[in-house]
Protein backbone atom coordinates (compact mmCIF):
# COMPACT_ATOMS: atom_id res chain seq x y z
CA MET A 1 0.00 0.00 0.00
CA THR A 2 1.23 3.50 -0.77
CA ASP A 3 2.59 5.40 2.21
CA PHE A 4 0.64 8.65 2.19
CA ARG A 5 2.53 11.63 3.59
CA LEU A 6 0.41 14.76 3.53
CA HIS A 7 3.27 17.14 4.21
CA ASP A 8 5.59 15.63 1.61
CA ASP A 9 3.37 14.32 -1.19
CA PHE A 10 1.67 17.62 -1.96
CA PRO A 11 3.52 20.82 -2.90
CA ASP A 12 2.81 24.01 -0.97
CA ARG A 13 0.48 26.39 -2.74
CA THR A 14 0.25 30.09 -2.11
CA ARG A 15 -2.58 32.57 -2.49
CA ASP A 16 -0.78 33.93 -5.56
CA ASP A 17 -0.87 30.45 -7.11
CA TRP A 18 -4.62 30.29 -6.57
CA HIS A 19 -5.09 33.83 -7.89
CA SER A 20 -3.22 32.95 -11.07
CA LEU A 21 -5.36 29.88 -11.69
CA ALA A 22 -8.54 31.83 -10.93
CA GLU A 23 -7.66 34.52 -13.46
CA LYS A 24 -6.91 31.85 -16.03
CA GLY A 25 -10.32 30.33 -15.44
CA LEU A 26 -12.01 33.73 -15.79
CA ARG A 27 -10.71 34.03 -19.38
CA GLY A 28 -10.42 37.77 -19.33
CA ALA A 29 -13.37 38.55 -17.07
CA ASP A 30 -12.81 40.98 -14.22
CA PHE A 31 -11.56 39.28 -11.05
CA ASP A 32 -13.99 41.35 -8.99
CA THR A 33 -16.86 39.36 -10.49
CA LEU A 34 -15.90 36.62 -8.00
CA ILE A 35 -16.50 38.93 -5.06
CA SER A 36 -19.95 39.31 -3.54
CA ARG A 37 -21.12 41.31 -0.55
CA THR A 38 -23.82 40.86 2.04
CA GLU A 39 -26.58 43.38 2.73
CA ASP A 40 -24.34 44.82 5.43
CA GLY A 41 -21.49 45.28 2.97
CA LEU A 42 -19.35 42.42 4.26
CA THR A 43 -17.02 40.91 1.68
CA ARG A 44 -18.07 37.37 0.86
CA GLY A 45 -15.35 35.57 -1.02
CA PRO A 46 -13.97 34.41 -3.21
CA LEU A 47 -11.31 32.83 -0.97
CA PHE A 48 -10.71 32.65 2.77
CA ASP A 49 -7.56 31.20 4.31
CA ARG A 50 -5.80 30.92 7.65
CA ASP A 51 -4.23 34.36 7.29
CA GLY A 52 -7.68 35.93 7.53
CA ARG A 53 -8.84 33.90 10.51
CA PRO A 54 -9.64 36.21 13.44
CA ASP A 55 -7.72 35.87 16.68
CA GLY A 56 -9.28 34.63 19.88
CA HIS A 57 -12.27 32.81 18.42
CA THR A 58 -13.53 29.75 20.25
CA ALA A 59 -16.20 27.18 19.56
CA ARG A 60 -19.71 28.51 20.20
CA SER A 61 -21.60 25.60 21.68
CA ARG A 62 -25.28 25.27 22.46
CA THR A 63 -26.68 26.04 25.91
CA ASP A 64 -27.33 23.11 28.22
CA THR A 65 -31.12 23.11 27.87
CA PRO A 66 -33.39 20.76 29.86
CA HIS A 67 -35.27 17.69 28.67
CA LEU A 68 -33.23 17.09 25.52
CA GLU A 69 -32.67 13.40 26.33
CA GLY A 70 -30.09 12.86 23.62
CA ARG A 71 -31.43 15.40 21.15
CA PRO A 72 -29.02 18.11 20.00
CA TRP A 73 -31.75 20.80 19.99
CA HIS A 74 -35.45 21.19 20.72
CA ILE A 75 -37.87 20.85 17.82
CA CYS A 76 -40.54 23.40 18.73
CA ALA A 77 -44.13 22.67 17.77
CA PRO A 78 -45.61 25.99 16.59
CA VAL A 79 -49.01 26.70 18.16
CA THR A 80 -50.65 29.56 16.28
CA ASP A 81 -54.17 28.50 15.33
CA PRO A 82 -56.86 30.53 17.17
CA ASP A 83 -59.14 27.46 17.28
CA LEU A 84 -58.11 25.96 20.63
CA GLY A 85 -59.57 22.54 19.81
CA PHE A 86 -57.59 22.26 16.60
CA ALA A 87 -54.49 23.80 18.19
CA ASN A 88 -54.49 21.29 21.05
CA ALA A 89 -55.01 18.31 18.75
CA GLN A 90 -52.26 19.53 16.41
CA LEU A 91 -49.89 20.14 19.29
CA LEU A 92 -50.36 16.60 20.60
CA ALA A 93 -49.84 15.24 17.07
CA ASP A 94 -46.60 17.23 16.76
CA LEU A 95 -45.31 15.95 20.10
CA LYS A 96 -46.18 12.36 19.25
CA GLY A 97 -44.55 12.85 15.86
CA GLY A 98 -41.18 13.99 17.19
CA ALA A 99 -41.41 17.56 18.46
CA SER A 100 -39.97 18.05 21.94
CA ALA A 101 -41.03 21.59 22.92
CA VAL A 102 -44.01 23.91 22.49
CA ARG A 103 -43.97 27.43 21.07
CA ILE A 104 -47.20 29.30 21.77
CA ASP A 105 -48.21 32.25 19.64
CA SER A 106 -51.98 31.89 19.58
CA LYS A 107 -54.43 34.76 19.77
CA GLY A 108 -57.05 32.27 20.90
CA VAL A 109 -55.77 32.33 24.48
CA THR A 110 -57.50 35.19 26.27
CA ARG A 111 -57.84 33.73 29.77
CA ARG A 112 -56.18 31.18 32.04
CA ALA A 113 -58.76 28.49 31.20
CA ASP A 114 -57.88 28.83 27.50
CA LEU A 115 -54.22 28.17 28.20
CA LYS A 116 -55.11 25.17 30.35
CA ARG A 117 -57.27 23.85 27.49
CA LEU A 118 -54.52 24.42 24.96
CA LEU A 119 -51.98 22.43 26.99
CA GLU A 120 -54.35 19.61 27.94
CA GLY A 121 -52.65 16.24 27.50
CA VAL A 122 -49.12 17.70 27.35
CA TYR A 123 -46.60 16.22 29.82
CA LEU A 124 -45.43 19.58 31.12
CA ASP A 125 -42.78 18.03 33.35
CA LEU A 126 -41.03 16.79 30.20
CA VAL A 127 -41.88 19.36 27.50
CA PRO A 128 -40.48 22.92 27.68
CA VAL A 129 -43.01 25.64 26.94
CA VAL A 130 -41.90 28.70 24.99
CA PHE A 131 -44.13 31.77 24.63
CA ALA A 132 -43.60 34.02 21.64
CA PRO A 133 -42.61 37.61 22.50
CA ASP A 134 -45.64 39.79 23.29
CA CYS A 135 -47.93 36.74 23.39
CA GLN A 136 -50.79 37.57 25.74
CA ALA A 137 -50.99 33.93 26.82
CA ALA A 138 -47.73 34.43 28.78
CA GLU A 139 -49.48 36.60 31.35
CA HIS A 140 -51.90 33.75 32.08
CA ALA A 141 -49.01 31.32 32.50
CA LEU A 142 -47.98 33.16 35.67
CA ASN A 143 -51.25 32.09 37.27
CA LEU A 144 -51.44 28.53 35.98
CA PRO A 145 -50.38 26.02 38.68
CA ASP A 146 -49.89 23.30 36.04
CA LEU A 147 -46.78 25.15 34.83
CA THR A 148 -45.12 25.65 38.20
CA ASP A 149 -42.67 22.77 37.78
CA ALA A 150 -42.33 23.12 34.00
CA HIS A 151 -39.44 24.69 32.12
CA VAL A 152 -40.94 27.90 30.72
CA SER A 153 -39.66 30.77 28.58
CA LEU A 154 -42.20 33.56 29.04
CA GLY A 155 -41.04 35.78 26.18
CA LEU A 156 -41.45 39.01 28.16
CA ASP A 157 -39.73 42.27 27.22
CA PRO A 158 -36.39 42.32 29.12
CA LEU A 159 -36.81 46.04 29.77
CA ARG A 160 -39.81 45.48 32.00
CA GLU A 161 -39.77 44.55 35.68
CA LYS A 162 -39.00 40.92 36.44
CA PRO A 163 -42.22 39.08 37.35
CA ASP A 164 -42.55 36.73 40.30
CA CYS A 165 -42.04 33.33 38.66
CA PRO A 166 -40.39 29.98 39.48
CA ASP A 167 -36.59 29.91 39.39
CA PRO A 168 -36.26 27.48 36.43
CA TRP A 169 -38.22 29.86 34.22
CA ARG A 170 -36.59 32.35 31.88
CA PRO A 171 -38.96 35.32 31.92
CA PHE A 172 -37.26 37.51 29.28
CA THR A 173 -36.69 37.19 25.55
CA ALA A 174 -34.77 39.71 23.46
CA ASN A 175 -36.90 39.79 20.33
CA ALA A 176 -34.29 40.38 17.64
CA ALA A 177 -36.47 38.59 15.08
CA ALA A 178 -38.89 41.53 15.16
CA ILE A 179 -36.13 43.71 13.69
CA HIS A 180 -35.68 41.20 10.87
CA GLU A 181 -39.41 41.14 10.16
CA ALA A 182 -39.47 44.95 10.12
CA GLY A 183 -36.92 44.82 7.29
CA GLY A 184 -33.64 45.13 9.15
CA THR A 185 -30.37 43.58 8.03
CA ASP A 186 -28.47 40.95 10.01
CA ALA A 187 -26.19 43.58 11.56
CA LEU A 188 -29.16 45.71 12.59
CA GLU A 189 -30.87 42.67 14.11
CA LEU A 190 -27.79 41.90 16.18
CA ALA A 191 -27.22 45.56 17.10
CA GLY A 192 -30.78 45.80 18.42
CA PHE A 193 -30.24 42.60 20.38
CA ALA A 194 -27.01 44.00 21.84
CA ALA A 195 -28.58 47.33 22.80
CA THR A 196 -31.58 45.61 24.40
CA THR A 197 -29.33 43.21 26.30
CA ALA A 198 -27.03 45.96 27.57
CA GLU A 199 -29.99 47.98 28.86
CA ALA A 200 -31.48 44.85 30.46
CA PHE A 201 -28.19 44.12 32.25
CA ARG A 202 -28.18 47.67 33.59
CA ARG A 203 -31.70 47.17 34.95
CA HIS A 204 -31.49 43.62 36.29
CA GLY A 205 -27.81 43.13 37.01
CA PRO A 206 -25.53 40.14 36.25
CA ALA A 207 -28.25 37.60 37.10
CA LEU A 208 -29.93 38.54 33.82
CA HIS A 209 -27.90 35.94 31.94
CA GLN A 210 -29.92 33.26 33.75
CA GLN A 211 -33.20 34.98 32.95
CA ILE A 212 -32.94 35.89 29.27
CA SER A 213 -32.99 34.18 25.89
CA VAL A 214 -32.88 35.59 22.37
CA LEU A 215 -35.17 35.04 19.40
CA LEU A 216 -33.42 35.31 16.03
CA ALA A 217 -34.90 34.97 12.56
CA VAL A 218 -33.27 32.65 10.05
CA GLY A 219 -33.70 33.35 6.35
CA PRO A 220 -33.05 31.49 3.09
CA ASP A 221 -29.23 31.90 3.17
CA ALA A 222 -28.02 29.05 5.37
CA HIS A 223 -24.45 30.31 5.64
CA LEU A 224 -25.49 33.78 6.80
CA ASN A 225 -27.73 32.13 9.38
CA ILE A 226 -24.76 30.20 10.77
CA ILE A 227 -22.74 33.39 10.93
CA LYS A 228 -25.52 35.40 12.60
CA LEU A 229 -26.20 32.87 15.33
CA ARG A 230 -22.52 32.49 16.12
CA ALA A 231 -22.08 36.29 16.13
CA ALA A 232 -25.02 36.62 18.55
CA ARG A 233 -23.28 34.38 21.10
CA HIS A 234 -20.01 36.26 20.52
CA ILE A 235 -21.68 39.63 21.18
CA PHE A 236 -23.60 38.40 24.22
CA ALA A 237 -20.41 37.01 25.76
CA ALA A 238 -18.72 40.40 25.35
CA ILE A 239 -21.62 42.28 26.96
CA ALA A 240 -21.99 39.77 29.80
CA ASP A 241 -18.25 40.00 30.48
CA ALA A 242 -18.59 43.78 30.88
CA PHE A 243 -21.11 43.11 33.67
CA GLY A 244 -18.87 40.59 35.42
CA VAL A 245 -20.40 37.36 34.08
CA GLU A 246 -17.62 34.92 33.23
CA LYS A 247 -19.58 32.01 31.76
CA PRO A 248 -22.86 33.39 30.46
CA THR A 249 -25.67 31.19 29.26
CA LEU A 250 -27.87 32.28 26.36
CA PRO A 251 -30.55 29.97 25.00
CA VAL A 252 -30.94 30.83 21.32
CA HIS A 253 -34.40 30.44 19.83
CA ALA A 254 -34.43 30.47 16.03
CA ILE A 255 -37.57 30.84 13.93
CA THR A 256 -37.76 30.74 10.16
CA SER A 257 -38.30 34.13 8.57
CA LEU A 258 -41.87 35.17 7.83
CA ARG A 259 -40.93 37.94 5.42
CA MET A 260 -39.27 35.44 3.05
CA MET A 261 -42.45 33.38 2.66
CA GLN A 262 -44.34 33.66 -0.64
CA ALA A 263 -48.04 33.21 -1.43
CA GLN A 264 -47.39 32.61 -5.14
CA ASP A 265 -46.28 29.00 -5.64
CA ALA A 266 -46.22 28.52 -1.87
CA TRP A 267 -44.75 25.03 -2.35
CA THR A 268 -41.37 26.68 -2.92
CA ASN A 269 -41.49 27.87 0.69
CA MET A 270 -40.42 24.36 1.65
CA LEU A 271 -37.04 25.07 0.08
CA ARG A 272 -36.75 28.32 2.00
CA THR A 273 -37.68 26.82 5.37
CA MET A 274 -35.35 23.86 4.83
CA SER A 275 -32.40 26.13 4.08
CA ALA A 276 -33.29 28.38 7.01
CA GLY A 277 -33.67 25.38 9.32
CA PHE A 278 -30.31 24.00 8.20
CA GLY A 279 -28.65 27.30 9.09
CA ALA A 280 -30.34 27.31 12.49
CA VAL A 281 -29.19 23.76 13.24
CA THR A 282 -25.61 24.19 12.10
CA GLY A 283 -25.48 27.66 13.66
CA GLY A 284 -26.16 26.11 17.07
CA ALA A 285 -29.72 27.16 17.96
CA ASP A 286 -31.14 25.55 21.09
CA TYR A 287 -34.82 25.81 20.13
CA ILE A 288 -35.88 25.84 16.49
CA THR A 289 -39.31 26.62 15.09
CA VAL A 290 -39.84 25.92 11.40
CA ARG A 291 -42.99 27.58 10.13
CA PRO A 292 -45.48 25.56 8.06
CA PHE A 293 -44.89 26.26 4.37
CA THR A 294 -48.26 28.02 4.03
CA ASP A 295 -47.42 30.67 6.65
CA THR A 296 -47.13 34.02 4.88
CA PRO A 297 -46.99 37.69 5.94
CA HIS A 298 -50.26 39.47 6.62
CA GLU A 299 -50.23 41.36 3.31
CA ARG A 300 -50.09 38.11 1.33
CA ARG A 301 -51.82 35.77 3.75
CA ILE A 302 -53.35 32.61 2.27
CA GLY A 303 -54.74 30.96 5.43
CA ASP A 304 -53.88 28.91 8.50
CA ALA A 305 -51.79 25.78 8.15
CA THR A 306 -53.32 22.31 7.86
CA PRO A 307 -51.99 19.20 9.64
CA PHE A 308 -50.01 18.50 6.46
CA GLY A 309 -48.23 21.86 6.73
CA TYR A 310 -47.32 21.21 10.35
CA ARG A 311 -46.11 17.70 9.53
CA VAL A 312 -43.81 18.94 6.78
CA ALA A 313 -42.32 21.56 9.11
CA ARG A 314 -41.74 18.96 11.82
CA ASN A 315 -40.30 16.38 9.45
CA GLN A 316 -37.81 18.85 8.01
CA GLN A 317 -36.17 19.07 11.42
CA LEU A 318 -36.42 15.33 12.03
CA LEU A 319 -34.68 14.75 8.72
CA MET A 320 -31.79 16.96 9.79
CA MET A 321 -31.63 15.47 13.29
CA GLU A 322 -32.22 11.75 12.81
CA GLU A 323 -31.13 11.08 9.23
CA SER A 324 -28.45 13.69 8.56
CA HIS A 325 -27.17 13.82 12.17
CA LEU A 326 -26.42 17.52 11.84
CA GLY A 327 -26.35 18.16 15.57
CA HIS A 328 -23.54 15.77 16.43
CA VAL A 329 -20.78 18.37 16.07
CA ARG A 330 -20.40 20.93 18.83
CA ASP A 331 -19.84 23.90 16.49
CA VAL A 332 -19.80 22.79 12.89
CA ALA A 333 -18.45 26.12 11.61
CA TYR A 334 -15.54 26.28 14.04
CA GLY A 335 -12.35 26.06 12.02
CA SER A 336 -14.02 27.17 8.79
CA TYR A 337 -12.09 30.22 7.62
CA PHE A 338 -15.15 31.53 5.75
CA HIS A 339 -17.57 31.28 8.68
CA GLU A 340 -15.13 32.46 11.33
CA ARG A 341 -14.01 35.48 9.30
CA LEU A 342 -17.57 36.54 8.56
CA THR A 343 -18.71 35.83 12.13
CA GLU A 344 -16.13 38.36 13.30
CA ASP A 345 -16.95 40.84 10.52
CA LEU A 346 -20.69 40.68 11.21
CA ALA A 347 -20.15 40.98 14.96
CA GLN A 348 -17.94 44.04 14.44
CA SER A 349 -20.48 45.64 12.09
CA ALA A 350 -23.28 45.03 14.59
CA TRP A 351 -21.09 46.30 17.44
CA GLN A 352 -20.46 49.59 15.65
CA LYS A 353 -24.20 50.09 15.18
CA PHE A 354 -24.74 49.10 18.81
CA GLN A 355 -22.28 51.81 19.89
CA SER A 356 -24.18 54.30 17.77
CA ILE A 357 -27.46 53.31 19.43
CA GLU A 358 -25.88 53.63 22.88
CA ALA A 359 -24.53 57.08 22.03
CA GLN A 360 -28.06 58.06 21.03
CA GLY A 361 -29.36 57.19 24.48
CA GLY A 362 -30.07 53.48 24.15
CA ILE A 363 -32.52 51.20 22.41
CA GLN A 364 -35.67 53.01 23.51
CA ALA A 365 -34.42 56.41 22.37
CA TYR A 366 -33.29 54.90 19.07
CA ALA A 367 -36.69 53.34 18.45
CA SER A 368 -38.73 56.40 19.45
CA SER A 369 -36.61 58.84 17.44
CA GLY A 370 -37.67 57.33 14.13
CA ASP A 371 -34.11 56.26 13.28
CA PHE A 372 -34.97 52.58 13.66
CA LYS A 373 -37.77 52.84 11.09
CA ALA A 374 -35.49 54.84 8.80
CA ASP A 375 -32.80 52.15 8.99
CA CYS A 376 -35.34 49.41 8.22
CA ASP A 377 -36.85 51.42 5.35
CA ALA A 378 -33.37 51.95 3.89
CA ALA A 379 -32.72 48.19 4.02
CA ILE A 380 -36.07 47.46 2.36
CA GLN A 381 -35.31 49.94 -0.41
CA MET A 382 -31.85 48.43 -0.88
CA ARG A 383 -33.44 45.01 -1.46
CA ALA A 384 -35.96 46.47 -3.88
CA ASP A 385 -33.15 48.10 -5.86
CA ALA A 386 -31.15 44.85 -5.88
CA ASP A 387 -34.19 43.01 -7.31
CA VAL A 388 -32.90 39.57 -6.37
CA PRO A 389 -34.90 36.84 -8.17
CA VAL A 390 -37.49 35.00 -6.05
CA LEU A 391 -38.07 31.36 -6.93
CA GLY A 392 -41.64 30.74 -8.04
CA VAL A 393 -42.41 34.47 -8.19
CA THR A 394 -39.91 36.16 -10.52
CA LEU A 395 -37.70 33.13 -11.20
CA HIS A 396 -39.33 30.17 -12.98
CA PRO A 397 -42.89 31.35 -12.26
CA SER A 398 -45.76 29.14 -13.36
CA ASP A 399 -49.45 29.86 -13.85
CA ASP A 400 -50.66 26.33 -13.32
CA VAL A 401 -49.29 25.48 -9.87
CA PRO A 402 -52.16 24.19 -7.69
CA ALA A 403 -52.71 26.16 -4.50
CA PRO A 404 -51.98 24.24 -1.30
CA GLU A 405 -54.81 23.46 1.08
CA VAL A 406 -55.16 25.83 4.04
CA ARG A 407 -57.53 26.38 6.93
CA THR A 408 -59.60 29.54 6.55
């Protein structure tokens, strides 16, 4: 058998060698055509190597969340339907089918009895319950004895007073995903998260790191999702360190983007949610909610999801967990020159915006001044000017695609 010697059998190659071969392959085309940039202006390619790897980066592992029982992350069953009977039946079907946590965002819960009805049949001592930010059902959870011994994330604004709740609960959620849905870029989403977290630390002290989680949106670009989630942990660690927390914990909740979802040829949304879910998994999210493929923004709403829509969303995560084994590596992007370089670049871009927000008086002053809306509007206009093709809408559209079934 041949004696393979990696250091001797292959000649050293330099960046100049690669550049020469790349120019040869371009056949006269401008080299800059190989360079692309993100919405935040970060250089994306064409080559990353060890010389560009940032100093001091470490693996960004998941938080030690309860009730995983061998799972790498929690598959969250989305509970959104206002019909409590349907919502409860669908929730139980999701849990029996492989989901391991509950994410409640239902407008059908208006009193404590409604929440009790919604969770009927759920083993609350084994299944974490996550409330979406600003979900009115969370207020009723504080008065529901059934949840006393459960692991609960209430989703409350971290700038409000801490409620009286059991110690295992995490009452606060920094809702960075809302910035994404308002049109913000990745850097703006992270900057808003940083500014909210810093203000919350000032109000609640170092113990906040045991009381807060973050909700981040994941879009159709899997690699940018990996980078954003890793950058979020990087930023949080820096802020927590400034408040004297040496080993901070930050459960990361990831939810697939709503603004990316299309009503025209809605079947193509499955591709978007799969790519988004992949980025959430490999980016190290602790709780992941994949929306049913028929979920669309209010302005292009087509109806509530059917059991089929929920099953597809659940099975996409099961495919990644049980067949592709994507959660078996602690931090899959650690050691990737591309992901580590852009993690640092995105974190630095977000940090600069965070400093600007702080200089303006903090997150509340920034939001009330109108600058937040202006920044989101500028990002929306930038996307409109870029006119990126949308599969099924402006790229390969078809007039004879059957509409998926929905609940109306």
